[in-house]
Amino acid sequence: LVAVSVFMVIWMFNRENTSENSGSHTDVTRVQMSWWGNDGRHMYTMKG
């Protein structure tokens, strides 16, 4: 259970710092965006 929890924390951290879809391009420009809200807002924003 602890291992799974640590994995989830690392996974969430990585979502803030890496792209979920870098595509097949070798020349990828990385940008970051920020927002606040409830779980529903997080889900539709990430899907968008």
ModelCIF file with pLDDT and N, C-alpha, C, O atoms, coordinates in Angstrom:
data_MODEL
#
_entry.id   MODEL 
#
_entity.id                         1 
_entity.type                       polymer 
_entity.pdbx_number_of_molecules   1 
#
_entity_poly.entity_id                      1 
_entity_poly.type                           'polypeptide(L)' 
_entity_poly.nstd_linkage                   no 
_entity_poly.nstd_monomer                   no 
_entity_poly.pdbx_seq_one_letter_code       LVAVSVFMVIWMFNRENTSENSGSHTDVTRVQMSWWGNDGRHMYTMKG 
_entity_poly.pdbx_seq_one_letter_code_can   LVAVSVFMVIWMFNRENTSENSGSHTDVTRVQMSWWGNDGRHMYTMKG 
_entity_poly.pdbx_strand_id                 A 
#
loop_
_entity_poly_seq.entity_id 
_entity_poly_seq.num 
_entity_poly_seq.mon_id 
_entity_poly_seq.hetero 
1 1  LEU n 
1 2  VAL n 
1 3  ALA n 
1 4  VAL n 
1 5  SER n 
1 6  VAL n 
1 7  PHE n 
1 8  MET n 
1 9  VAL n 
1 10 ILE n 
1 11 TRP n 
1 12 MET n 
1 13 PHE n 
1 14 ASN n 
1 15 ARG n 
1 16 GLU n 
1 17 ASN n 
1 18 THR n 
1 19 SER n 
1 20 GLU n 
1 21 ASN n 
1 22 SER n 
1 23 GLY n 
1 24 SER n 
1 25 HIS n 
1 26 THR n 
1 27 ASP n 
1 28 VAL n 
1 29 THR n 
1 30 ARG n 
1 31 VAL n 
1 32 GLN n 
1 33 MET n 
1 34 SER n 
1 35 TRP n 
1 36 TRP n 
1 37 GLY n 
1 38 ASN n 
1 39 ASP n 
1 40 GLY n 
1 41 ARG n 
1 42 HIS n 
1 43 MET n 
1 44 TYR n 
1 45 THR n 
1 46 MET n 
1 47 LYS n 
1 48 GLY n 
#
_struct_asym.id          A 
_struct_asym.entity_id   1 
#
loop_
_ma_qa_metric.id 
_ma_qa_metric.mode 
_ma_qa_metric.name 
_ma_qa_metric.software_group_id 
_ma_qa_metric.type 
1 global pLDDT . pLDDT 
2 local  pLDDT . pLDDT 
#
_ma_qa_metric_global.metric_id      1 
_ma_qa_metric_global.metric_value   66.60 
_ma_qa_metric_global.model_id       1 
_ma_qa_metric_global.ordinal_id     1 
#
loop_
_ma_qa_metric_local.label_asym_id 
_ma_qa_metric_local.label_comp_id 
_ma_qa_metric_local.label_seq_id 
_ma_qa_metric_local.metric_id 
_ma_qa_metric_local.metric_value 
_ma_qa_metric_local.model_id 
_ma_qa_metric_local.ordinal_id 
A LEU 1  2 55.00 1 1  
A VAL 2  2 48.00 1 2  
A ALA 3  2 48.00 1 3  
A VAL 4  2 43.00 1 4  
A SER 5  2 46.00 1 5  
A VAL 6  2 40.00 1 6  
A PHE 7  2 40.00 1 7  
A MET 8  2 41.00 1 8  
A VAL 9  2 38.00 1 9  
A ILE 10 2 36.00 1 10 
A TRP 11 2 38.00 1 11 
A MET 12 2 43.00 1 12 
A PHE 13 2 39.00 1 13 
A ASN 14 2 40.00 1 14 
A ARG 15 2 44.00 1 15 
A GLU 16 2 43.00 1 16 
A ASN 17 2 40.00 1 17 
A THR 18 2 39.00 1 18 
A SER 19 2 39.00 1 19 
A GLU 20 2 43.00 1 20 
A ASN 21 2 42.00 1 21 
A SER 22 2 40.00 1 22 
A GLY 23 2 43.00 1 23 
A SER 24 2 46.00 1 24 
A HIS 25 2 49.00 1 25 
A THR 26 2 58.00 1 26 
A ASP 27 2 84.00 1 27 
A VAL 28 2 93.00 1 28 
A THR 29 2 96.00 1 29 
A ARG 30 2 97.00 1 30 
A VAL 31 2 98.00 1 31 
A GLN 32 2 97.00 1 32 
A MET 33 2 97.00 1 33 
A SER 34 2 97.00 1 34 
A TRP 35 2 97.00 1 35 
A TRP 36 2 95.00 1 36 
A GLY 37 2 90.00 1 37 
A ASN 38 2 87.00 1 38 
A ASP 39 2 91.00 1 39 
A GLY 40 2 90.00 1 40 
A ARG 41 2 92.00 1 41 
A HIS 42 2 95.00 1 42 
A MET 43 2 96.00 1 43 
A TYR 44 2 96.00 1 44 
A THR 45 2 97.00 1 45 
A MET 46 2 97.00 1 46 
A LYS 47 2 97.00 1 47 
A GLY 48 2 97.00 1 48 
#
loop_
_atom_site.group_PDB 
_atom_site.id 
_atom_site.type_symbol 
_atom_site.label_atom_id 
_atom_site.label_alt_id 
_atom_site.label_comp_id 
_atom_site.label_asym_id 
_atom_site.label_entity_id 
_atom_site.label_seq_id 
_atom_site.pdbx_PDB_ins_code 
_atom_site.Cartn_x 
_atom_site.Cartn_y 
_atom_site.Cartn_z 
_atom_site.occupancy 
_atom_site.B_iso_or_equiv 
_atom_site.pdbx_formal_charge 
_atom_site.auth_seq_id 
_atom_site.auth_comp_id 
_atom_site.auth_asym_id 
_atom_site.auth_atom_id 
_atom_site.pdbx_PDB_model_num 
ATOM 1   N N  . LEU A 1 1  ? 0.827   -1.203 0.000   1.00 55.00 ? 1  LEU A N  1 
ATOM 2   C CA . LEU A 1 1  ? 0.000   0.000  0.000   1.00 55.00 ? 1  LEU A CA 1 
ATOM 3   C C  . LEU A 1 1  ? 0.858   1.249  0.000   1.00 55.00 ? 1  LEU A C  1 
ATOM 4   O O  . LEU A 1 1  ? 0.573   2.212  -0.712  1.00 55.00 ? 1  LEU A O  1 
ATOM 5   N N  . VAL A 1 2  ? 1.922   1.226  0.811   1.00 48.00 ? 2  VAL A N  1 
ATOM 6   C CA . VAL A 1 2  ? 2.842   2.365  0.857   1.00 48.00 ? 2  VAL A CA 1 
ATOM 7   C C  . VAL A 1 2  ? 3.496   2.562  -0.498  1.00 48.00 ? 2  VAL A C  1 
ATOM 8   O O  . VAL A 1 2  ? 3.626   3.691  -0.972  1.00 48.00 ? 2  VAL A O  1 
ATOM 9   N N  . ALA A 1 3  ? 3.912   1.455  -1.129  1.00 48.00 ? 3  ALA A N  1 
ATOM 10  C CA . ALA A 1 3  ? 4.570   1.544  -2.435  1.00 48.00 ? 3  ALA A CA 1 
ATOM 11  C C  . ALA A 1 3  ? 3.649   2.162  -3.474  1.00 48.00 ? 3  ALA A C  1 
ATOM 12  O O  . ALA A 1 3  ? 4.064   3.001  -4.273  1.00 48.00 ? 3  ALA A O  1 
ATOM 13  N N  . VAL A 1 4  ? 2.373   1.728  -3.449  1.00 43.00 ? 4  VAL A N  1 
ATOM 14  C CA . VAL A 1 4  ? 1.399   2.293  -4.389  1.00 43.00 ? 4  VAL A CA 1 
ATOM 15  C C  . VAL A 1 4  ? 1.202   3.775  -4.133  1.00 43.00 ? 4  VAL A C  1 
ATOM 16  O O  . VAL A 1 4  ? 1.107   4.561  -5.076  1.00 43.00 ? 4  VAL A O  1 
ATOM 17  N N  . SER A 1 5  ? 1.140   4.169  -2.857  1.00 46.00 ? 5  SER A N  1 
ATOM 18  C CA . SER A 1 5  ? 0.947   5.573  -2.500  1.00 46.00 ? 5  SER A CA 1 
ATOM 19  C C  . SER A 1 5  ? 2.117   6.415  -2.990  1.00 46.00 ? 5  SER A C  1 
ATOM 20  O O  . SER A 1 5  ? 1.922   7.499  -3.539  1.00 46.00 ? 5  SER A O  1 
ATOM 21  N N  . VAL A 1 6  ? 3.340   5.909  -2.788  1.00 40.00 ? 6  VAL A N  1 
ATOM 22  C CA . VAL A 1 6  ? 4.527   6.635  -3.244  1.00 40.00 ? 6  VAL A CA 1 
ATOM 23  C C  . VAL A 1 6  ? 4.506   6.776  -4.757  1.00 40.00 ? 6  VAL A C  1 
ATOM 24  O O  . VAL A 1 6  ? 4.833   7.830  -5.303  1.00 40.00 ? 6  VAL A O  1 
ATOM 25  N N  . PHE A 1 7  ? 4.109   5.676  -5.437  1.00 40.00 ? 7  PHE A N  1 
ATOM 26  C CA . PHE A 1 7  ? 4.031   5.727  -6.892  1.00 40.00 ? 7  PHE A CA 1 
ATOM 27  C C  . PHE A 1 7  ? 3.054   6.805  -7.353  1.00 40.00 ? 7  PHE A C  1 
ATOM 28  O O  . PHE A 1 7  ? 3.342   7.549  -8.291  1.00 40.00 ? 7  PHE A O  1 
ATOM 29  N N  . MET A 1 8  ? 1.880   6.890  -6.683  1.00 41.00 ? 8  MET A N  1 
ATOM 30  C CA . MET A 1 8  ? 0.869   7.877  -7.071  1.00 41.00 ? 8  MET A CA 1 
ATOM 31  C C  . MET A 1 8  ? 1.372   9.292  -6.862  1.00 41.00 ? 8  MET A C  1 
ATOM 32  O O  . MET A 1 8  ? 1.118   10.170 -7.686  1.00 41.00 ? 8  MET A O  1 
ATOM 33  N N  . VAL A 1 9  ? 2.093   9.527  -5.750  1.00 38.00 ? 9  VAL A N  1 
ATOM 34  C CA . VAL A 1 9  ? 2.640   10.860 -5.496  1.00 38.00 ? 9  VAL A CA 1 
ATOM 35  C C  . VAL A 1 9  ? 3.625   11.239 -6.588  1.00 38.00 ? 9  VAL A C  1 
ATOM 36  O O  . VAL A 1 9  ? 3.588   12.350 -7.118  1.00 38.00 ? 9  VAL A O  1 
ATOM 37  N N  . ILE A 1 10 ? 4.519   10.290 -6.922  1.00 36.00 ? 10 ILE A N  1 
ATOM 38  C CA . ILE A 1 10 ? 5.509   10.557 -7.976  1.00 36.00 ? 10 ILE A CA 1 
ATOM 39  C C  . ILE A 1 10 ? 4.816   10.795 -9.304  1.00 36.00 ? 10 ILE A C  1 
ATOM 40  O O  . ILE A 1 10 ? 5.211   11.671 -10.073 1.00 36.00 ? 10 ILE A O  1 
ATOM 41  N N  . TRP A 1 11 ? 3.764   9.998  -9.572  1.00 38.00 ? 11 TRP A N  1 
ATOM 42  C CA . TRP A 1 11 ? 3.029   10.149 -10.830 1.00 38.00 ? 11 TRP A CA 1 
ATOM 43  C C  . TRP A 1 11 ? 2.381   11.517 -10.934 1.00 38.00 ? 11 TRP A C  1 
ATOM 44  O O  . TRP A 1 11 ? 2.437   12.161 -11.981 1.00 38.00 ? 11 TRP A O  1 
ATOM 45  N N  . MET A 1 12 ? 1.755   11.967 -9.826  1.00 43.00 ? 12 MET A N  1 
ATOM 46  C CA . MET A 1 12 ? 1.128   13.284 -9.830  1.00 43.00 ? 12 MET A CA 1 
ATOM 47  C C  . MET A 1 12 ? 2.166   14.378 -10.008 1.00 43.00 ? 12 MET A C  1 
ATOM 48  O O  . MET A 1 12 ? 1.938   15.351 -10.726 1.00 43.00 ? 12 MET A O  1 
ATOM 49  N N  . PHE A 1 13 ? 3.328   14.213 -9.339  1.00 39.00 ? 13 PHE A N  1 
ATOM 50  C CA . PHE A 1 13 ? 4.395   15.198 -9.486  1.00 39.00 ? 13 PHE A CA 1 
ATOM 51  C C  . PHE A 1 13 ? 4.843   15.284 -10.940 1.00 39.00 ? 13 PHE A C  1 
ATOM 52  O O  . PHE A 1 13 ? 5.058   16.367 -11.483 1.00 39.00 ? 13 PHE A O  1 
ATOM 53  N N  . ASN A 1 14 ? 4.978   14.110 -11.551 1.00 40.00 ? 14 ASN A N  1 
ATOM 54  C CA . ASN A 1 14 ? 5.445   14.095 -12.928 1.00 40.00 ? 14 ASN A CA 1 
ATOM 55  C C  . ASN A 1 14 ? 4.436   14.712 -13.876 1.00 40.00 ? 14 ASN A C  1 
ATOM 56  O O  . ASN A 1 14 ? 4.810   15.290 -14.897 1.00 40.00 ? 14 ASN A O  1 
ATOM 57  N N  . ARG A 1 15 ? 3.140   14.592 -13.540 1.00 44.00 ? 15 ARG A N  1 
ATOM 58  C CA . ARG A 1 15 ? 2.126   15.221 -14.401 1.00 44.00 ? 15 ARG A CA 1 
ATOM 59  C C  . ARG A 1 15 ? 2.292   16.722 -14.393 1.00 44.00 ? 15 ARG A C  1 
ATOM 60  O O  . ARG A 1 15 ? 1.934   17.380 -15.370 1.00 44.00 ? 15 ARG A O  1 
ATOM 61  N N  . GLU A 1 16 ? 2.825   17.287 -13.320 1.00 43.00 ? 16 GLU A N  1 
ATOM 62  C CA . GLU A 1 16 ? 3.031   18.724 -13.269 1.00 43.00 ? 16 GLU A CA 1 
ATOM 63  C C  . GLU A 1 16 ? 4.285   19.137 -14.025 1.00 43.00 ? 16 GLU A C  1 
ATOM 64  O O  . GLU A 1 16 ? 4.440   20.312 -14.359 1.00 43.00 ? 16 GLU A O  1 
ATOM 65  N N  . ASN A 1 17 ? 5.170   18.207 -14.298 1.00 40.00 ? 17 ASN A N  1 
ATOM 66  C CA . ASN A 1 17 ? 6.456   18.583 -14.838 1.00 40.00 ? 17 ASN A CA 1 
ATOM 67  C C  . ASN A 1 17 ? 6.796   17.941 -16.172 1.00 40.00 ? 17 ASN A C  1 
ATOM 68  O O  . ASN A 1 17 ? 7.847   18.232 -16.743 1.00 40.00 ? 17 ASN A O  1 
ATOM 69  N N  . THR A 1 18 ? 5.918   17.064 -16.686 1.00 39.00 ? 18 THR A N  1 
ATOM 70  C CA . THR A 1 18 ? 6.188   16.446 -17.967 1.00 39.00 ? 18 THR A CA 1 
ATOM 71  C C  . THR A 1 18 ? 4.945   16.452 -18.814 1.00 39.00 ? 18 THR A C  1 
ATOM 72  O O  . THR A 1 18 ? 3.836   16.611 -18.305 1.00 39.00 ? 18 THR A O  1 
ATOM 73  N N  . SER A 1 19 ? 5.125   16.280 -20.096 1.00 39.00 ? 19 SER A N  1 
ATOM 74  C CA . SER A 1 19 ? 3.996   16.235 -21.010 1.00 39.00 ? 19 SER A CA 1 
ATOM 75  C C  . SER A 1 19 ? 3.403   14.844 -21.055 1.00 39.00 ? 19 SER A C  1 
ATOM 76  O O  . SER A 1 19 ? 4.121   13.844 -21.018 1.00 39.00 ? 19 SER A O  1 
ATOM 77  N N  . GLU A 1 20 ? 2.087   14.791 -21.134 1.00 43.00 ? 20 GLU A N  1 
ATOM 78  C CA . GLU A 1 20 ? 1.419   13.510 -21.272 1.00 43.00 ? 20 GLU A CA 1 
ATOM 79  C C  . GLU A 1 20 ? 1.434   13.037 -22.721 1.00 43.00 ? 20 GLU A C  1 
ATOM 80  O O  . GLU A 1 20 ? 1.243   11.853 -22.997 1.00 43.00 ? 20 GLU A O  1 
ATOM 81  N N  . ASN A 1 21 ? 1.659   13.965 -23.638 1.00 42.00 ? 21 ASN A N  1 
ATOM 82  C CA . ASN A 1 21 ? 1.599   13.597 -25.042 1.00 42.00 ? 21 ASN A CA 1 
ATOM 83  C C  . ASN A 1 21 ? 2.624   14.422 -25.787 1.00 42.00 ? 21 ASN A C  1 
ATOM 84  O O  . ASN A 1 21 ? 2.298   15.484 -26.317 1.00 42.00 ? 21 ASN A O  1 
ATOM 85  N N  . SER A 1 22 ? 3.840   13.959 -25.837 1.00 40.00 ? 22 SER A N  1 
ATOM 86  C CA . SER A 1 22 ? 4.887   14.727 -26.503 1.00 40.00 ? 22 SER A CA 1 
ATOM 87  C C  . SER A 1 22 ? 4.886   14.501 -28.004 1.00 40.00 ? 22 SER A C  1 
ATOM 88  O O  . SER A 1 22 ? 5.629   15.153 -28.738 1.00 40.00 ? 22 SER A O  1 
ATOM 89  N N  . GLY A 1 23 ? 4.039   13.561 -28.468 1.00 43.00 ? 23 GLY A N  1 
ATOM 90  C CA . GLY A 1 23 ? 3.925   13.339 -29.893 1.00 43.00 ? 23 GLY A CA 1 
ATOM 91  C C  . GLY A 1 23 ? 5.152   12.637 -30.451 1.00 43.00 ? 23 GLY A C  1 
ATOM 92  O O  . GLY A 1 23 ? 6.065   12.268 -29.713 1.00 43.00 ? 23 GLY A O  1 
ATOM 93  N N  . SER A 1 24 ? 5.159   12.461 -31.758 1.00 46.00 ? 24 SER A N  1 
ATOM 94  C CA . SER A 1 24 ? 6.268   11.775 -32.400 1.00 46.00 ? 24 SER A CA 1 
ATOM 95  C C  . SER A 1 24 ? 7.332   12.755 -32.864 1.00 46.00 ? 24 SER A C  1 
ATOM 96  O O  . SER A 1 24 ? 8.379   12.344 -33.363 1.00 46.00 ? 24 SER A O  1 
ATOM 97  N N  . HIS A 1 25 ? 7.069   14.063 -32.702 1.00 49.00 ? 25 HIS A N  1 
ATOM 98  C CA . HIS A 1 25 ? 8.033   15.069 -33.144 1.00 49.00 ? 25 HIS A CA 1 
ATOM 99  C C  . HIS A 1 25 ? 9.282   15.023 -32.267 1.00 49.00 ? 25 HIS A C  1 
ATOM 100 O O  . HIS A 1 25 ? 9.204   14.843 -31.052 1.00 49.00 ? 25 HIS A O  1 
ATOM 101 N N  . THR A 1 26 ? 10.420  15.187 -32.908 1.00 58.00 ? 26 THR A N  1 
ATOM 102 C CA . THR A 1 26 ? 11.663  15.276 -32.135 1.00 58.00 ? 26 THR A CA 1 
ATOM 103 C C  . THR A 1 26 ? 11.853  16.688 -31.619 1.00 58.00 ? 26 THR A C  1 
ATOM 104 O O  . THR A 1 26 ? 12.509  16.906 -30.600 1.00 58.00 ? 26 THR A O  1 
ATOM 105 N N  . ASP A 1 27 ? 11.265  17.661 -32.340 1.00 84.00 ? 27 ASP A N  1 
ATOM 106 C CA . ASP A 1 27 ? 11.372  19.062 -31.944 1.00 84.00 ? 27 ASP A CA 1 
ATOM 107 C C  . ASP A 1 27 ? 10.101  19.458 -31.212 1.00 84.00 ? 27 ASP A C  1 
ATOM 108 O O  . ASP A 1 27 ? 9.190   20.005 -31.834 1.00 84.00 ? 27 ASP A O  1 
ATOM 109 N N  . VAL A 1 28 ? 10.010  19.209 -29.949 1.00 93.00 ? 28 VAL A N  1 
ATOM 110 C CA . VAL A 1 28 ? 8.812   19.507 -29.166 1.00 93.00 ? 28 VAL A CA 1 
ATOM 111 C C  . VAL A 1 28 ? 9.098   20.670 -28.229 1.00 93.00 ? 28 VAL A C  1 
ATOM 112 O O  . VAL A 1 28 ? 10.087  20.666 -27.496 1.00 93.00 ? 28 VAL A O  1 
ATOM 113 N N  . THR A 1 29 ? 8.219   21.665 -28.262 1.00 96.00 ? 29 THR A N  1 
ATOM 114 C CA . THR A 1 29 ? 8.336   22.798 -27.349 1.00 96.00 ? 29 THR A CA 1 
ATOM 115 C C  . THR A 1 29 ? 7.445   22.540 -26.148 1.00 96.00 ? 29 THR A C  1 
ATOM 116 O O  . THR A 1 29 ? 6.262   22.237 -26.296 1.00 96.00 ? 29 THR A O  1 
ATOM 117 N N  . ARG A 1 30 ? 8.015   22.662 -24.960 1.00 97.00 ? 30 ARG A N  1 
ATOM 118 C CA . ARG A 1 30 ? 7.260   22.386 -23.736 1.00 97.00 ? 30 ARG A CA 1 
ATOM 119 C C  . ARG A 1 30 ? 6.805   23.696 -23.092 1.00 97.00 ? 30 ARG A C  1 
ATOM 120 O O  . ARG A 1 30 ? 7.595   24.616 -22.882 1.00 97.00 ? 30 ARG A O  1 
ATOM 121 N N  . VAL A 1 31 ? 5.509   23.751 -22.788 1.00 98.00 ? 31 VAL A N  1 
ATOM 122 C CA . VAL A 1 31 ? 4.955   24.889 -22.052 1.00 98.00 ? 31 VAL A CA 1 
ATOM 123 C C  . VAL A 1 31 ? 4.188   24.351 -20.854 1.00 98.00 ? 31 VAL A C  1 
ATOM 124 O O  . VAL A 1 31 ? 3.790   23.187 -20.827 1.00 98.00 ? 31 VAL A O  1 
ATOM 125 N N  . GLN A 1 32 ? 3.989   25.195 -19.888 1.00 97.00 ? 32 GLN A N  1 
ATOM 126 C CA . GLN A 1 32 ? 3.264   24.797 -18.681 1.00 97.00 ? 32 GLN A CA 1 
ATOM 127 C C  . GLN A 1 32 ? 2.047   25.691 -18.501 1.00 97.00 ? 32 GLN A C  1 
ATOM 128 O O  . GLN A 1 32 ? 2.085   26.880 -18.817 1.00 97.00 ? 32 GLN A O  1 
ATOM 129 N N  . MET A 1 33 ? 0.966   25.109 -17.989 1.00 97.00 ? 33 MET A N  1 
ATOM 130 C CA . MET A 1 33 ? -0.221  25.901 -17.683 1.00 97.00 ? 33 MET A CA 1 
ATOM 131 C C  . MET A 1 33 ? -0.646  25.615 -16.252 1.00 97.00 ? 33 MET A C  1 
ATOM 132 O O  . MET A 1 33 ? -0.331  24.564 -15.694 1.00 97.00 ? 33 MET A O  1 
ATOM 133 N N  . SER A 1 34 ? -1.375  26.580 -15.659 1.00 97.00 ? 34 SER A N  1 
ATOM 134 C CA . SER A 1 34 ? -1.823  26.428 -14.271 1.00 97.00 ? 34 SER A CA 1 
ATOM 135 C C  . SER A 1 34 ? -3.260  26.903 -14.139 1.00 97.00 ? 34 SER A C  1 
ATOM 136 O O  . SER A 1 34 ? -3.706  27.821 -14.828 1.00 97.00 ? 34 SER A O  1 
ATOM 137 N N  . TRP A 1 35 ? -3.975  26.238 -13.217 1.00 97.00 ? 35 TRP A N  1 
ATOM 138 C CA . TRP A 1 35 ? -5.353  26.623 -12.936 1.00 97.00 ? 35 TRP A CA 1 
ATOM 139 C C  . TRP A 1 35 ? -5.751  26.064 -11.580 1.00 97.00 ? 35 TRP A C  1 
ATOM 140 O O  . TRP A 1 35 ? -5.040  25.245 -10.997 1.00 97.00 ? 35 TRP A O  1 
ATOM 141 N N  . TRP A 1 36 ? -6.902  26.520 -11.085 1.00 95.00 ? 36 TRP A N  1 
ATOM 142 C CA . TRP A 1 36 ? -7.456  25.964 -9.852  1.00 95.00 ? 36 TRP A CA 1 
ATOM 143 C C  . TRP A 1 36 ? -8.901  25.548 -10.107 1.00 95.00 ? 36 TRP A C  1 
ATOM 144 O O  . TRP A 1 36 ? -9.516  25.961 -11.089 1.00 95.00 ? 36 TRP A O  1 
ATOM 145 N N  . GLY A 1 37 ? -9.425  24.733 -9.216  1.00 90.00 ? 37 GLY A N  1 
ATOM 146 C CA . GLY A 1 37 ? -10.819 24.317 -9.348  1.00 90.00 ? 37 GLY A CA 1 
ATOM 147 C C  . GLY A 1 37 ? -11.070 22.983 -8.669  1.00 90.00 ? 37 GLY A C  1 
ATOM 148 O O  . GLY A 1 37 ? -10.235 22.480 -7.917  1.00 90.00 ? 37 GLY A O  1 
ATOM 149 N N  . ASN A 1 38 ? -12.239 22.421 -8.951  1.00 87.00 ? 38 ASN A N  1 
ATOM 150 C CA . ASN A 1 38 ? -12.610 21.134 -8.370  1.00 87.00 ? 38 ASN A CA 1 
ATOM 151 C C  . ASN A 1 38 ? -12.160 19.992 -9.282  1.00 87.00 ? 38 ASN A C  1 
ATOM 152 O O  . ASN A 1 38 ? -11.559 20.220 -10.332 1.00 87.00 ? 38 ASN A O  1 
ATOM 153 N N  . ASP A 1 39 ? -12.458 18.769 -8.868  1.00 91.00 ? 39 ASP A N  1 
ATOM 154 C CA . ASP A 1 39 ? -12.027 17.606 -9.648  1.00 91.00 ? 39 ASP A CA 1 
ATOM 155 C C  . ASP A 1 39 ? -12.609 17.611 -11.056 1.00 91.00 ? 39 ASP A C  1 
ATOM 156 O O  . ASP A 1 39 ? -11.942 17.229 -12.017 1.00 91.00 ? 39 ASP A O  1 
ATOM 157 N N  . GLY A 1 40 ? -13.867 18.049 -11.167 1.00 90.00 ? 40 GLY A N  1 
ATOM 158 C CA . GLY A 1 40 ? -14.489 18.097 -12.482 1.00 90.00 ? 40 GLY A CA 1 
ATOM 159 C C  . GLY A 1 40 ? -13.740 19.017 -13.429 1.00 90.00 ? 40 GLY A C  1 
ATOM 160 O O  . GLY A 1 40 ? -13.530 18.683 -14.595 1.00 90.00 ? 40 GLY A O  1 
ATOM 161 N N  . ARG A 1 41 ? -13.336 20.181 -12.924 1.00 92.00 ? 41 ARG A N  1 
ATOM 162 C CA . ARG A 1 41 ? -12.582 21.126 -13.747 1.00 92.00 ? 41 ARG A CA 1 
ATOM 163 C C  . ARG A 1 41 ? -11.238 20.526 -14.151 1.00 92.00 ? 41 ARG A C  1 
ATOM 164 O O  . ARG A 1 41 ? -10.807 20.671 -15.295 1.00 92.00 ? 41 ARG A O  1 
ATOM 165 N N  . HIS A 1 42 ? -10.580 19.856 -13.212 1.00 95.00 ? 42 HIS A N  1 
ATOM 166 C CA . HIS A 1 42 ? -9.288  19.247 -13.537 1.00 95.00 ? 42 HIS A CA 1 
ATOM 167 C C  . HIS A 1 42 ? -9.439  18.233 -14.674 1.00 95.00 ? 42 HIS A C  1 
ATOM 168 O O  . HIS A 1 42 ? -8.624  18.194 -15.596 1.00 95.00 ? 42 HIS A O  1 
ATOM 169 N N  . MET A 1 43 ? -10.492 17.417 -14.595 1.00 96.00 ? 43 MET A N  1 
ATOM 170 C CA . MET A 1 43 ? -10.658 16.338 -15.573 1.00 96.00 ? 43 MET A CA 1 
ATOM 171 C C  . MET A 1 43 ? -10.921 16.893 -16.969 1.00 96.00 ? 43 MET A C  1 
ATOM 172 O O  . MET A 1 43 ? -10.280 16.471 -17.932 1.00 96.00 ? 43 MET A O  1 
ATOM 173 N N  . TYR A 1 44 ? -11.866 17.845 -17.090 1.00 96.00 ? 44 TYR A N  1 
ATOM 174 C CA . TYR A 1 44 ? -12.164 18.325 -18.439 1.00 96.00 ? 44 TYR A CA 1 
ATOM 175 C C  . TYR A 1 44 ? -11.025 19.184 -18.992 1.00 96.00 ? 44 TYR A C  1 
ATOM 176 O O  . TYR A 1 44 ? -10.799 19.210 -20.202 1.00 96.00 ? 44 TYR A O  1 
ATOM 177 N N  . THR A 1 45 ? -10.313 19.883 -18.115 1.00 97.00 ? 45 THR A N  1 
ATOM 178 C CA . THR A 1 45 ? -9.186  20.694 -18.605 1.00 97.00 ? 45 THR A CA 1 
ATOM 179 C C  . THR A 1 45 ? -8.070  19.793 -19.129 1.00 97.00 ? 45 THR A C  1 
ATOM 180 O O  . THR A 1 45 ? -7.504  20.060 -20.190 1.00 97.00 ? 45 THR A O  1 
ATOM 181 N N  . MET A 1 46 ? -7.751  18.730 -18.393 1.00 97.00 ? 46 MET A N  1 
ATOM 182 C CA . MET A 1 46 ? -6.709  17.815 -18.865 1.00 97.00 ? 46 MET A CA 1 
ATOM 183 C C  . MET A 1 46 ? -7.129  17.123 -20.160 1.00 97.00 ? 46 MET A C  1 
ATOM 184 O O  . MET A 1 46 ? -6.306  16.906 -21.049 1.00 97.00 ? 46 MET A O  1 
ATOM 185 N N  . LYS A 1 47 ? -8.407  16.780 -20.263 1.00 97.00 ? 47 LYS A N  1 
ATOM 186 C CA . LYS A 1 47 ? -8.890  16.163 -21.501 1.00 97.00 ? 47 LYS A CA 1 
ATOM 187 C C  . LYS A 1 47 ? -8.769  17.159 -22.657 1.00 97.00 ? 47 LYS A C  1 
ATOM 188 O O  . LYS A 1 47 ? -8.383  16.792 -23.767 1.00 97.00 ? 47 LYS A O  1 
ATOM 189 N N  . GLY A 1 48 ? -9.102  18.413 -22.383 1.00 97.00 ? 48 GLY A N  1 
ATOM 190 C CA . GLY A 1 48 ? -8.978  19.443 -23.406 1.00 97.00 ? 48 GLY A CA 1 
ATOM 191 C C  . GLY A 1 48 ? -7.532  19.643 -23.842 1.00 97.00 ? 48 GLY A C  1 
ATOM 192 O O  . GLY A 1 48 ? -7.257  20.480 -24.702 1.00 97.00 ? 48 GLY A O  1 
#
